[in-house]
Amino acid sequence: MSQRLVIPVACALCLLLLAGCSPKEPPAPASKPPVKKLVIGLIPEQNIFRQMERYEPLMAYLGGKTGVRFELMVLPRYGNIIGNFQTSKMDGAFFGSFTYALAHAKLGVEVLARPVASDNSSTYYGIILVRKDSPIRTARDMKGKRFAFVDKATMAGYLLPLKYFHENGIPDYRKYLKEAYFAGTHEDVISDVLNRKADIGAAKSTVFARLARVDPRISNELLVLARSPEVPENGLAVRKDIDPSFRNQLREVLLDMHRDPDGKKVLDQFGAQRFIETKDEDYRPVMKYAEDIHLDLATYDYLND
C-alpha cells in the first residue's frame, strides 16, 4: 500500500517542480515617459517679434489640446536650427524646405503638417530679383556685381542661386561676383536690393508678396529674373524618437484645427485656412536641386562662410 501512495506523490512533486522551472513571460518593454514639454524652433524668416506674435497662439492651442507645454525658440540664423537639436534640446521646428531636407538627412526628423494660406497655397518658390532700372537681366550681366543671399541653409535664399549659376556655367560664384554676402532674412535681402545695397538678391516668393502688400515699391521697382519649382511651405517636424502615439496625436490636432471654432480663430490669426499632412516626398524638388549640383545633404556644411 505504501508504494502505491509514494508514486503519485512523487509524480505530483515533479510536476510542481517542472511548473516552477518553466520559462516566464518576457517582461513588457518599458513605456516611454509621457511628453510634458516640447521646445519648438523657428527659423528667422522675418522680424522676431512678428514671429512670436504669429506662432504663440498656435502653440497655446496645441498645448491645450494635448496637455503638453510648448516653448518657442526663435533662432538667429537658419543653420542654427540643426545644431540646436543637440545643444538646446529642441524637440521640433517649423522648417523651411531646405532646412527640413538637411535636418531629415542629418538628424532623421519627421515632418507632420504644413499650413495652407488664405490664398489656398501651401507652397512657395524661390526668386532671384534685381531692380527694374538695373541693366542686369542675365547671369552674364551679374559678373562683378554684388549678390545678397539669405543663408546657406535656405532653398530660396541660397540653393536656387547655386542651381542658377550651375546652369549658366559658373562653377564658383565667389570668383565671378564682386561680392556675395548673407543678409540673414528674406526681408533683409528684398530691402537691400530695393535700396541699392545689393545689385541682385535671392528670396522667398511668399515674403516678397507679403511685403509688396504693404509697400508698393516692392512690385513697382523690383523685377524677378528667375524662380525655382514650388516647394512646401514651412512645416512642423519633430524628433524621430518622440513617442509615436503623441506624434500622431499632434498631427491629428493640427489637421482638425479648422473644424474647431477655437482652432479656426487661431488659424485666422496665423494667416492660414488649415493644416495639411506633409510627407518626405513633398520635398523631392529640393532634393532634386541638390542632386543636380552634386550637393550631399548628409555632409553639406550649412554654416555661412
C-alpha atoms as a PDB file:
ATOM      1  CA  MET A   1       0.000   0.000   0.000  1.00  0.00           C
ATOM      2  CA  SER A   2       2.773   2.452   0.878  1.00  0.00           C
ATOM      3  CA  GLN A   3       4.470   2.042  -2.513  1.00  0.00           C
ATOM      4  CA  ARG A   4       1.210   2.746  -4.311  1.00  0.00           C
ATOM      5  CA  LEU A   5       0.924   6.002  -2.329  1.00  0.00           C
ATOM      6  CA  VAL A   6       4.538   7.153  -2.931  1.00  0.00           C
ATOM      7  CA  ILE A   7       4.405   7.033  -6.727  1.00  0.00           C
ATOM      8  CA  PRO A   8       1.522   9.547  -7.173  1.00  0.00           C
ATOM      9  CA  VAL A   9       3.070  11.886  -4.593  1.00  0.00           C
ATOM     10  CA  ALA A  10       6.459  11.774  -6.325  1.00  0.00           C
ATOM     11  CA  CYS A  11       4.796  12.499  -9.646  1.00  0.00           C
ATOM     12  CA  ALA A  12       2.955  15.402  -8.139  1.00  0.00           C
ATOM     13  CA  LEU A  13       6.201  16.824  -6.755  1.00  0.00           C
ATOM     14  CA  CYS A  14       7.867  16.528 -10.160  1.00  0.00           C
ATOM     15  CA  LEU A  15       5.001  18.340 -11.828  1.00  0.00           C
ATOM     16  CA  LEU A  16       5.253  21.145  -9.300  1.00  0.00           C
ATOM     17  CA  LEU A  17       8.999  21.420  -9.849  1.00  0.00           C
ATOM     18  CA  LEU A  18       8.590  21.466 -13.629  1.00  0.00           C
ATOM     19  CA  ALA A  19       5.949  24.172 -13.372  1.00  0.00           C
ATOM     20  CA  GLY A  20       8.276  26.251 -11.257  1.00  0.00           C
ATOM     21  CA  CYS A  21      11.102  25.820 -13.751  1.00  0.00           C
ATOM     22  CA  SER A  22       9.042  26.694 -16.842  1.00  0.00           C
ATOM     23  CA  PRO A  23      10.194  29.819 -18.694  1.00  0.00           C
ATOM     24  CA  LYS A  24       8.433  33.000 -17.598  1.00  0.00           C
ATOM     25  CA  GLU A  25       6.789  35.526 -19.940  1.00  0.00           C
ATOM     26  CA  PRO A  26       9.330  38.184 -21.002  1.00  0.00           C
ATOM     27  CA  PRO A  27       8.793  41.495 -19.194  1.00  0.00           C
ATOM     28  CA  ALA A  28       6.831  44.105 -21.138  1.00  0.00           C
ATOM     29  CA  PRO A  29       9.051  46.761 -22.689  1.00  0.00           C
ATOM     30  CA  ALA A  30       9.303  49.889 -20.586  1.00  0.00           C
ATOM     31  CA  SER A  31       6.937  52.538 -21.870  1.00  0.00           C
ATOM     32  CA  LYS A  32       8.344  55.974 -22.704  1.00  0.00           C
ATOM     33  CA  PRO A  33       7.584  58.668 -20.135  1.00  0.00           C
ATOM     34  CA  PRO A  34       4.700  60.918 -21.162  1.00  0.00           C
ATOM     35  CA  VAL A  35       5.662  64.031 -23.106  1.00  0.00           C
ATOM     36  CA  LYS A  36       5.448  67.061 -20.801  1.00  0.00           C
ATOM     37  CA  LYS A  37       7.170  69.820 -22.761  1.00  0.00           C
ATOM     38  CA  LEU A  38       8.240  70.429 -26.356  1.00  0.00           C
ATOM     39  CA  VAL A  39      10.721  73.091 -27.446  1.00  0.00           C
ATOM     40  CA  ILE A  40       9.857  74.217 -30.981  1.00  0.00           C
ATOM     41  CA  GLY A  41      12.317  76.189 -33.084  1.00  0.00           C
ATOM     42  CA  LEU A  42      11.518  78.949 -35.567  1.00  0.00           C
ATOM     43  CA  ILE A  43      13.746  79.957 -38.459  1.00  0.00           C
ATOM     44  CA  PRO A  44      14.430  83.724 -38.733  1.00  0.00           C
ATOM     45  CA  GLU A  45      12.202  84.279 -41.755  1.00  0.00           C
ATOM     46  CA  GLN A  46      11.062  87.673 -40.532  1.00  0.00           C
ATOM     47  CA  ASN A  47      11.270  90.043 -37.561  1.00  0.00           C
ATOM     48  CA  ILE A  48      11.499  88.098 -34.271  1.00  0.00           C
ATOM     49  CA  PHE A  49       8.560  89.929 -32.662  1.00  0.00           C
ATOM     50  CA  ARG A  50       6.276  89.205 -35.627  1.00  0.00           C
ATOM     51  CA  GLN A  51       7.407  85.576 -35.494  1.00  0.00           C
ATOM     52  CA  MET A  52       6.435  85.251 -31.836  1.00  0.00           C
ATOM     53  CA  GLU A  53       3.160  87.130 -32.366  1.00  0.00           C
ATOM     54  CA  ARG A  54       2.213  84.712 -35.123  1.00  0.00           C
ATOM     55  CA  TYR A  55       3.233  81.408 -33.512  1.00  0.00           C
ATOM     56  CA  GLU A  56       2.453  81.857 -29.793  1.00  0.00           C
ATOM     57  CA  PRO A  57      -1.364  81.488 -30.159  1.00  0.00           C
ATOM     58  CA  LEU A  58      -0.815  78.309 -32.197  1.00  0.00           C
ATOM     59  CA  MET A  59       1.467  76.849 -29.516  1.00  0.00           C
ATOM     60  CA  ALA A  60      -1.074  77.707 -26.809  1.00  0.00           C
ATOM     61  CA  TYR A  61      -3.812  75.947 -28.792  1.00  0.00           C
ATOM     62  CA  LEU A  62      -1.702  72.819 -29.325  1.00  0.00           C
ATOM     63  CA  GLY A  63      -0.829  72.792 -25.635  1.00  0.00           C
ATOM     64  CA  GLY A  64      -4.472  72.999 -24.623  1.00  0.00           C
ATOM     65  CA  LYS A  65      -5.419  70.110 -26.886  1.00  0.00           C
ATOM     66  CA  THR A  66      -2.524  67.788 -25.988  1.00  0.00           C
ATOM     67  CA  GLY A  67      -1.801  68.704 -22.360  1.00  0.00           C
ATOM     68  CA  VAL A  68       1.830  69.414 -23.287  1.00  0.00           C
ATOM     69  CA  ARG A  69       3.626  72.726 -22.687  1.00  0.00           C
ATOM     70  CA  PHE A  70       5.078  74.178 -25.892  1.00  0.00           C
ATOM     71  CA  GLU A  71       8.003  76.605 -25.796  1.00  0.00           C
ATOM     72  CA  LEU A  72       9.170  78.626 -28.787  1.00  0.00           C
ATOM     73  CA  MET A  73      12.802  79.299 -29.631  1.00  0.00           C
ATOM     74  CA  VAL A  74      13.470  81.849 -32.406  1.00  0.00           C
ATOM     75  CA  LEU A  75      16.927  81.221 -33.800  1.00  0.00           C
ATOM     76  CA  PRO A  76      19.317  83.933 -35.022  1.00  0.00           C
ATOM     77  CA  ARG A  77      20.009  82.178 -38.323  1.00  0.00           C
ATOM     78  CA  TYR A  78      18.722  79.280 -40.403  1.00  0.00           C
ATOM     79  CA  GLY A  79      21.626  76.892 -39.824  1.00  0.00           C
ATOM     80  CA  ASN A  80      21.206  77.176 -36.042  1.00  0.00           C
ATOM     81  CA  ILE A  81      18.028  75.123 -36.250  1.00  0.00           C
ATOM     82  CA  ILE A  82      20.015  71.959 -36.953  1.00  0.00           C
ATOM     83  CA  GLY A  83      22.761  72.478 -34.354  1.00  0.00           C
ATOM     84  CA  ASN A  84      20.225  73.419 -31.694  1.00  0.00           C
ATOM     85  CA  PHE A  85      18.592  69.987 -31.793  1.00  0.00           C
ATOM     86  CA  GLN A  86      21.630  68.810 -29.863  1.00  0.00           C
ATOM     87  CA  THR A  87      22.818  71.883 -27.965  1.00  0.00           C
ATOM     88  CA  SER A  88      19.463  73.318 -26.880  1.00  0.00           C
ATOM     89  CA  LYS A  89      17.476  70.063 -26.676  1.00  0.00           C
ATOM     90  CA  MET A  90      14.957  71.177 -29.263  1.00  0.00           C
ATOM     91  CA  ASP A  91      12.157  68.729 -29.973  1.00  0.00           C
ATOM     92  CA  GLY A  92      10.812  70.105 -33.229  1.00  0.00           C
ATOM     93  CA  ALA A  93      10.724  73.092 -35.543  1.00  0.00           C
ATOM     94  CA  PHE A  94       8.843  74.803 -38.318  1.00  0.00           C
ATOM     95  CA  PHE A  95      11.302  74.017 -41.082  1.00  0.00           C
ATOM     96  CA  GLY A  96      11.714  75.667 -44.433  1.00  0.00           C
ATOM     97  CA  SER A  97      12.007  73.233 -47.327  1.00  0.00           C
ATOM     98  CA  PHE A  98      15.821  73.115 -47.451  1.00  0.00           C
ATOM     99  CA  THR A  99      16.290  73.134 -43.671  1.00  0.00           C
ATOM    100  CA  TYR A 100      13.897  70.178 -43.470  1.00  0.00           C
ATOM    101  CA  ALA A 101      15.770  68.278 -46.188  1.00  0.00           C
ATOM    102  CA  LEU A 102      19.024  68.913 -44.298  1.00  0.00           C
ATOM    103  CA  ALA A 103      17.622  68.042 -40.851  1.00  0.00           C
ATOM    104  CA  HIS A 104      15.955  64.901 -42.177  1.00  0.00           C
ATOM    105  CA  ALA A 105      19.239  63.747 -43.723  1.00  0.00           C
ATOM    106  CA  LYS A 106      21.385  64.661 -40.714  1.00  0.00           C
ATOM    107  CA  LEU A 107      19.014  64.088 -37.766  1.00  0.00           C
ATOM    108  CA  GLY A 108      16.139  61.961 -39.041  1.00  0.00           C
ATOM    109  CA  VAL A 109      13.406  64.438 -38.042  1.00  0.00           C
ATOM    110  CA  GLU A 110       9.909  63.635 -39.346  1.00  0.00           C
ATOM    111  CA  VAL A 111       7.531  66.195 -40.841  1.00  0.00           C
ATOM    112  CA  LEU A 112       3.888  66.227 -39.686  1.00  0.00           C
ATOM    113  CA  ALA A 113       1.942  69.013 -41.379  1.00  0.00           C
ATOM    114  CA  ARG A 114       2.151  72.419 -43.036  1.00  0.00           C
ATOM    115  CA  PRO A 115      -0.305  75.329 -43.312  1.00  0.00           C
ATOM    116  CA  VAL A 116      -2.491  76.248 -46.266  1.00  0.00           C
ATOM    117  CA  ALA A 117      -2.526  80.028 -46.667  1.00  0.00           C
ATOM    118  CA  SER A 118      -5.582  82.214 -47.145  1.00  0.00           C
ATOM    119  CA  ASP A 119      -4.972  82.197 -50.920  1.00  0.00           C
ATOM    120  CA  ASN A 120      -5.214  78.364 -50.819  1.00  0.00           C
ATOM    121  CA  SER A 121      -1.474  77.846 -51.375  1.00  0.00           C
ATOM    122  CA  SER A 122       0.706  75.531 -49.287  1.00  0.00           C
ATOM    123  CA  THR A 123       3.911  76.006 -51.271  1.00  0.00           C
ATOM    124  CA  TYR A 124       6.319  78.765 -52.218  1.00  0.00           C
ATOM    125  CA  TYR A 125       9.158  79.226 -54.672  1.00  0.00           C
ATOM    126  CA  GLY A 126      12.487  80.974 -54.646  1.00  0.00           C
ATOM    127  CA  ILE A 127      13.107  84.100 -56.721  1.00  0.00           C
ATOM    128  CA  ILE A 128      16.185  85.920 -57.999  1.00  0.00           C
ATOM    129  CA  LEU A 129      15.470  89.626 -58.218  1.00  0.00           C
ATOM    130  CA  VAL A 130      17.004  92.916 -59.333  1.00  0.00           C
ATOM    131  CA  ARG A 131      15.829  96.494 -59.587  1.00  0.00           C
ATOM    132  CA  LYS A 132      13.836  97.266 -62.726  1.00  0.00           C
ATOM    133  CA  ASP A 133      16.167 100.165 -63.501  1.00  0.00           C
ATOM    134  CA  SER A 134      19.189  97.835 -63.308  1.00  0.00           C
ATOM    135  CA  PRO A 135      20.865  96.674 -66.551  1.00  0.00           C
ATOM    136  CA  ILE A 136      21.119  93.140 -65.121  1.00  0.00           C
ATOM    137  CA  ARG A 137      18.931  90.634 -66.954  1.00  0.00           C
ATOM    138  CA  THR A 138      21.110  87.516 -67.316  1.00  0.00           C
ATOM    139  CA  ALA A 139      23.786  85.583 -65.425  1.00  0.00           C
ATOM    140  CA  ARG A 140      26.386  87.171 -67.717  1.00  0.00           C
ATOM    141  CA  ASP A 141      25.262  90.615 -66.539  1.00  0.00           C
ATOM    142  CA  MET A 142      25.914  89.610 -62.916  1.00  0.00           C
ATOM    143  CA  LYS A 143      29.686  89.431 -63.344  1.00  0.00           C
ATOM    144  CA  GLY A 144      31.403  91.811 -60.967  1.00  0.00           C
ATOM    145  CA  LYS A 145      28.156  92.678 -59.148  1.00  0.00           C
ATOM    146  CA  ARG A 146      27.006  92.386 -55.537  1.00  0.00           C
ATOM    147  CA  PHE A 147      24.687  89.486 -54.605  1.00  0.00           C
ATOM    148  CA  ALA A 148      22.647  89.206 -51.368  1.00  0.00           C
ATOM    149  CA  PHE A 149      21.879  85.646 -50.222  1.00  0.00           C
ATOM    150  CA  VAL A 150      19.782  84.806 -47.153  1.00  0.00           C
ATOM    151  CA  ASP A 151      21.621  81.867 -45.591  1.00  0.00           C
ATOM    152  CA  LYS A 152      23.378  78.678 -46.717  1.00  0.00           C
ATOM    153  CA  ALA A 153      20.545  76.625 -45.186  1.00  0.00           C
ATOM    154  CA  THR A 154      17.760  78.120 -47.335  1.00  0.00           C
ATOM    155  CA  MET A 155      16.184  76.882 -50.570  1.00  0.00           C
ATOM    156  CA  ALA A 156      15.050  80.257 -51.901  1.00  0.00           C
ATOM    157  CA  GLY A 157      17.918  82.283 -50.494  1.00  0.00           C
ATOM    158  CA  TYR A 158      20.863  80.066 -51.479  1.00  0.00           C
ATOM    159  CA  LEU A 159      20.111  76.723 -53.167  1.00  0.00           C
ATOM    160  CA  LEU A 160      18.238  78.439 -56.024  1.00  0.00           C
ATOM    161  CA  PRO A 161      21.133  80.780 -56.899  1.00  0.00           C
ATOM    162  CA  LEU A 162      23.586  77.858 -56.708  1.00  0.00           C
ATOM    163  CA  LYS A 163      21.466  75.967 -59.243  1.00  0.00           C
ATOM    164  CA  TYR A 164      21.116  79.116 -61.392  1.00  0.00           C
ATOM    165  CA  PHE A 165      24.877  79.653 -61.526  1.00  0.00           C
ATOM    166  CA  HIS A 166      25.441  75.943 -62.202  1.00  0.00           C
ATOM    167  CA  GLU A 167      23.026  76.010 -65.159  1.00  0.00           C
ATOM    168  CA  ASN A 168      24.781  79.080 -66.551  1.00  0.00           C
ATOM    169  CA  GLY A 169      28.273  77.552 -66.424  1.00  0.00           C
ATOM    170  CA  ILE A 170      29.517  79.500 -63.402  1.00  0.00           C
ATOM    171  CA  PRO A 171      31.325  76.983 -61.136  1.00  0.00           C
ATOM    172  CA  ASP A 172      32.383  79.450 -58.410  1.00  0.00           C
ATOM    173  CA  TYR A 173      30.195  82.471 -57.808  1.00  0.00           C
ATOM    174  CA  ARG A 174      32.765  83.890 -55.354  1.00  0.00           C
ATOM    175  CA  LYS A 175      35.224  84.453 -58.188  1.00  0.00           C
ATOM    176  CA  TYR A 176      32.516  85.603 -60.585  1.00  0.00           C
ATOM    177  CA  LEU A 177      30.850  88.222 -58.392  1.00  0.00           C
ATOM    178  CA  LYS A 178      32.416  91.322 -56.928  1.00  0.00           C
ATOM    179  CA  GLU A 179      30.897  90.454 -53.562  1.00  0.00           C
ATOM    180  CA  ALA A 180      28.413  87.996 -52.043  1.00  0.00           C
ATOM    181  CA  TYR A 181      27.054  88.182 -48.515  1.00  0.00           C
ATOM    182  CA  PHE A 182      24.391  86.631 -46.274  1.00  0.00           C
ATOM    183  CA  ALA A 183      21.718  89.109 -45.194  1.00  0.00           C
ATOM    184  CA  GLY A 184      20.141  86.675 -42.705  1.00  0.00           C
ATOM    185  CA  THR A 185      16.443  87.043 -43.612  1.00  0.00           C
ATOM    186  CA  HIS A 186      14.353  87.166 -46.788  1.00  0.00           C
ATOM    187  CA  GLU A 187      13.043  90.574 -45.728  1.00  0.00           C
ATOM    188  CA  ASP A 188      16.574  91.972 -45.498  1.00  0.00           C
ATOM    189  CA  VAL A 189      17.527  90.646 -48.945  1.00  0.00           C
ATOM    190  CA  ILE A 190      14.495  92.274 -50.570  1.00  0.00           C
ATOM    191  CA  SER A 191      15.159  95.519 -48.701  1.00  0.00           C
ATOM    192  CA  ASP A 192      18.838  95.522 -49.703  1.00  0.00           C
ATOM    193  CA  VAL A 193      18.048  95.139 -53.412  1.00  0.00           C
ATOM    194  CA  LEU A 194      15.265  97.713 -53.214  1.00  0.00           C
ATOM    195  CA  ASN A 195      17.559 100.227 -51.510  1.00  0.00           C
ATOM    196  CA  ARG A 196      20.558  99.508 -53.797  1.00  0.00           C
ATOM    197  CA  LYS A 197      22.745  97.938 -51.126  1.00  0.00           C
ATOM    198  CA  ALA A 198      22.884  94.817 -53.343  1.00  0.00           C
ATOM    199  CA  ASP A 199      22.598  94.531 -57.140  1.00  0.00           C
ATOM    200  CA  ILE A 200      20.946  91.102 -57.041  1.00  0.00           C
ATOM    201  CA  GLY A 201      19.177  89.079 -54.349  1.00  0.00           C
ATOM    202  CA  ALA A 202      17.517  85.713 -53.780  1.00  0.00           C
ATOM    203  CA  ALA A 203      14.472  85.383 -51.539  1.00  0.00           C
ATOM    204  CA  LYS A 204      11.181  83.616 -50.879  1.00  0.00           C
ATOM    205  CA  SER A 205       8.129  84.375 -53.030  1.00  0.00           C
ATOM    206  CA  THR A 206       5.680  84.494 -50.113  1.00  0.00           C
ATOM    207  CA  VAL A 207       7.807  87.036 -48.226  1.00  0.00           C
ATOM    208  CA  PHE A 208       8.092  89.134 -51.402  1.00  0.00           C
ATOM    209  CA  ALA A 209       4.295  89.046 -51.835  1.00  0.00           C
ATOM    210  CA  ARG A 210       3.639  89.907 -48.185  1.00  0.00           C
ATOM    211  CA  LEU A 211       5.988  92.902 -48.267  1.00  0.00           C
ATOM    212  CA  ALA A 212       4.529  94.062 -51.572  1.00  0.00           C
ATOM    213  CA  ARG A 213       1.073  94.280 -49.995  1.00  0.00           C
ATOM    214  CA  VAL A 214       2.275  96.975 -47.576  1.00  0.00           C
ATOM    215  CA  ASP A 215       4.970  98.657 -49.706  1.00  0.00           C
ATOM    216  CA  PRO A 216       4.046  99.250 -53.380  1.00  0.00           C
ATOM    217  CA  ARG A 217       7.688  99.968 -54.217  1.00  0.00           C
ATOM    218  CA  ILE A 218       8.379  96.221 -53.975  1.00  0.00           C
ATOM    219  CA  SER A 219       6.237  95.459 -57.039  1.00  0.00           C
ATOM    220  CA  ASN A 220       6.872  98.757 -58.828  1.00  0.00           C
ATOM    221  CA  GLU A 221      10.666  98.809 -58.573  1.00  0.00           C
ATOM    222  CA  LEU A 222      11.789  95.163 -58.395  1.00  0.00           C
ATOM    223  CA  LEU A 223      11.933  92.552 -61.167  1.00  0.00           C
ATOM    224  CA  VAL A 224      12.036  88.749 -60.837  1.00  0.00           C
ATOM    225  CA  LEU A 225      14.659  87.209 -63.167  1.00  0.00           C
ATOM    226  CA  ALA A 226      14.349  83.520 -62.222  1.00  0.00           C
ATOM    227  CA  ARG A 227      12.358  81.247 -59.951  1.00  0.00           C
ATOM    228  CA  SER A 228      12.565  77.751 -58.501  1.00  0.00           C
ATOM    229  CA  PRO A 229       9.934  74.976 -58.588  1.00  0.00           C
ATOM    230  CA  GLU A 230       7.200  75.015 -55.931  1.00  0.00           C
ATOM    231  CA  VAL A 231       8.294  73.573 -52.585  1.00  0.00           C
ATOM    232  CA  PRO A 232       6.402  73.007 -49.291  1.00  0.00           C
ATOM    233  CA  GLU A 233       5.681  75.973 -47.021  1.00  0.00           C
ATOM    234  CA  ASN A 234       7.270  75.859 -43.548  1.00  0.00           C
ATOM    235  CA  GLY A 235       6.091  72.625 -41.913  1.00  0.00           C
ATOM    236  CA  LEU A 236       6.236  71.308 -38.372  1.00  0.00           C
ATOM    237  CA  ALA A 237       8.649  68.396 -37.917  1.00  0.00           C
ATOM    238  CA  VAL A 238       9.696  66.629 -34.706  1.00  0.00           C
ATOM    239  CA  ARG A 239      12.472  64.365 -33.449  1.00  0.00           C
ATOM    240  CA  LYS A 240      12.205  60.766 -34.605  1.00  0.00           C
ATOM    241  CA  ASP A 241      12.412  59.420 -31.027  1.00  0.00           C
ATOM    242  CA  ILE A 242       9.284  61.225 -29.792  1.00  0.00           C
ATOM    243  CA  ASP A 243       6.595  58.741 -28.780  1.00  0.00           C
ATOM    244  CA  PRO A 244       4.718  57.703 -31.967  1.00  0.00           C
ATOM    245  CA  SER A 245       1.322  57.922 -30.270  1.00  0.00           C
ATOM    246  CA  PHE A 246       1.964  61.529 -29.251  1.00  0.00           C
ATOM    247  CA  ARG A 247       3.340  62.341 -32.698  1.00  0.00           C
ATOM    248  CA  ASN A 248       0.114  61.027 -34.231  1.00  0.00           C
ATOM    249  CA  GLN A 249      -1.983  62.954 -31.724  1.00  0.00           C
ATOM    250  CA  LEU A 250      -0.155  66.184 -32.553  1.00  0.00           C
ATOM    251  CA  ARG A 251      -0.627  65.608 -36.279  1.00  0.00           C
ATOM    252  CA  GLU A 252      -4.355  64.985 -35.825  1.00  0.00           C
ATOM    253  CA  VAL A 253      -4.811  68.139 -33.732  1.00  0.00           C
ATOM    254  CA  LEU A 254      -3.187  70.189 -36.495  1.00  0.00           C
ATOM    255  CA  LEU A 255      -5.216  68.533 -39.253  1.00  0.00           C
ATOM    256  CA  ASP A 256      -8.507  69.026 -37.359  1.00  0.00           C
ATOM    257  CA  MET A 257      -7.992  72.651 -36.251  1.00  0.00           C
ATOM    258  CA  HIS A 258     -10.184  74.160 -38.960  1.00  0.00           C
ATOM    259  CA  ARG A 259     -13.165  72.074 -37.763  1.00  0.00           C
ATOM    260  CA  ASP A 260     -12.952  73.528 -34.243  1.00  0.00           C
ATOM    261  CA  PRO A 261     -14.289  77.103 -33.699  1.00  0.00           C
ATOM    262  CA  ASP A 262     -11.396  77.924 -31.340  1.00  0.00           C
ATOM    263  CA  GLY A 263      -8.924  76.372 -33.763  1.00  0.00           C
ATOM    264  CA  LYS A 264     -10.412  78.400 -36.620  1.00  0.00           C
ATOM    265  CA  LYS A 265      -9.781  81.624 -34.687  1.00  0.00           C
ATOM    266  CA  VAL A 266      -6.159  80.655 -34.124  1.00  0.00           C
ATOM    267  CA  LEU A 267      -5.752  79.769 -37.799  1.00  0.00           C
ATOM    268  CA  ASP A 268      -7.140  83.176 -38.773  1.00  0.00           C
ATOM    269  CA  GLN A 269      -4.532  84.834 -36.547  1.00  0.00           C
ATOM    270  CA  PHE A 270      -1.859  82.589 -38.008  1.00  0.00           C
ATOM    271  CA  GLY A 271      -2.871  83.521 -41.563  1.00  0.00           C
ATOM    272  CA  ALA A 272      -3.910  80.041 -42.647  1.00  0.00           C
ATOM    273  CA  GLN A 273      -7.068  78.170 -43.638  1.00  0.00           C
ATOM    274  CA  ARG A 274      -5.988  74.812 -42.271  1.00  0.00           C
ATOM    275  CA  PHE A 275      -3.047  72.415 -41.927  1.00  0.00           C
ATOM    276  CA  ILE A 276      -2.490  69.552 -44.354  1.00  0.00           C
ATOM    277  CA  GLU A 277      -0.496  66.346 -43.944  1.00  0.00           C
ATOM    278  CA  THR A 278       3.031  66.595 -45.314  1.00  0.00           C
ATOM    279  CA  LYS A 279       5.418  63.783 -46.241  1.00  0.00           C
ATOM    280  CA  ASP A 280       9.039  63.378 -47.278  1.00  0.00           C
ATOM    281  CA  GLU A 281       8.163  63.004 -50.962  1.00  0.00           C
ATOM    282  CA  ASP A 282       6.775  66.563 -50.941  1.00  0.00           C
ATOM    283  CA  TYR A 283      10.392  67.735 -50.638  1.00  0.00           C
ATOM    284  CA  ARG A 284      11.524  65.920 -53.765  1.00  0.00           C
ATOM    285  CA  PRO A 285      12.100  69.175 -55.766  1.00  0.00           C
ATOM    286  CA  VAL A 286      14.559  70.337 -53.090  1.00  0.00           C
ATOM    287  CA  MET A 287      16.422  67.036 -53.138  1.00  0.00           C
ATOM    288  CA  LYS A 288      16.494  67.110 -56.948  1.00  0.00           C
ATOM    289  CA  TYR A 289      18.057  70.593 -56.883  1.00  0.00           C
ATOM    290  CA  ALA A 290      20.741  69.306 -54.506  1.00  0.00           C
ATOM    291  CA  GLU A 291      21.405  66.258 -56.690  1.00  0.00           C
ATOM    292  CA  ASP A 292      21.704  68.401 -59.813  1.00  0.00           C
ATOM    293  CA  ILE A 293      24.523  70.448 -58.311  1.00  0.00           C
ATOM    294  CA  HIS A 294      26.151  67.389 -56.667  1.00  0.00           C
ATOM    295  CA  LEU A 295      25.390  68.525 -53.115  1.00  0.00           C
ATOM    296  CA  ASP A 296      25.303  65.743 -50.499  1.00  0.00           C
ATOM    297  CA  LEU A 297      22.724  66.728 -47.872  1.00  0.00           C
ATOM    298  CA  ALA A 298      24.144  64.361 -45.248  1.00  0.00           C
ATOM    299  CA  THR A 299      27.591  66.018 -45.318  1.00  0.00           C
ATOM    300  CA  TYR A 300      26.696  69.545 -46.503  1.00  0.00           C
ATOM    301  CA  ASP A 301      28.323  72.357 -44.466  1.00  0.00           C
ATOM    302  CA  TYR A 302      25.376  74.666 -43.852  1.00  0.00           C
ATOM    303  CA  LEU A 303      27.339  77.261 -41.815  1.00  0.00           C
ATOM    304  CA  ASN A 304      27.804  80.600 -43.550  1.00  0.00           C
ATOM    305  CA  ASP A 305      31.331  81.449 -44.666  1.00  0.00           C
END
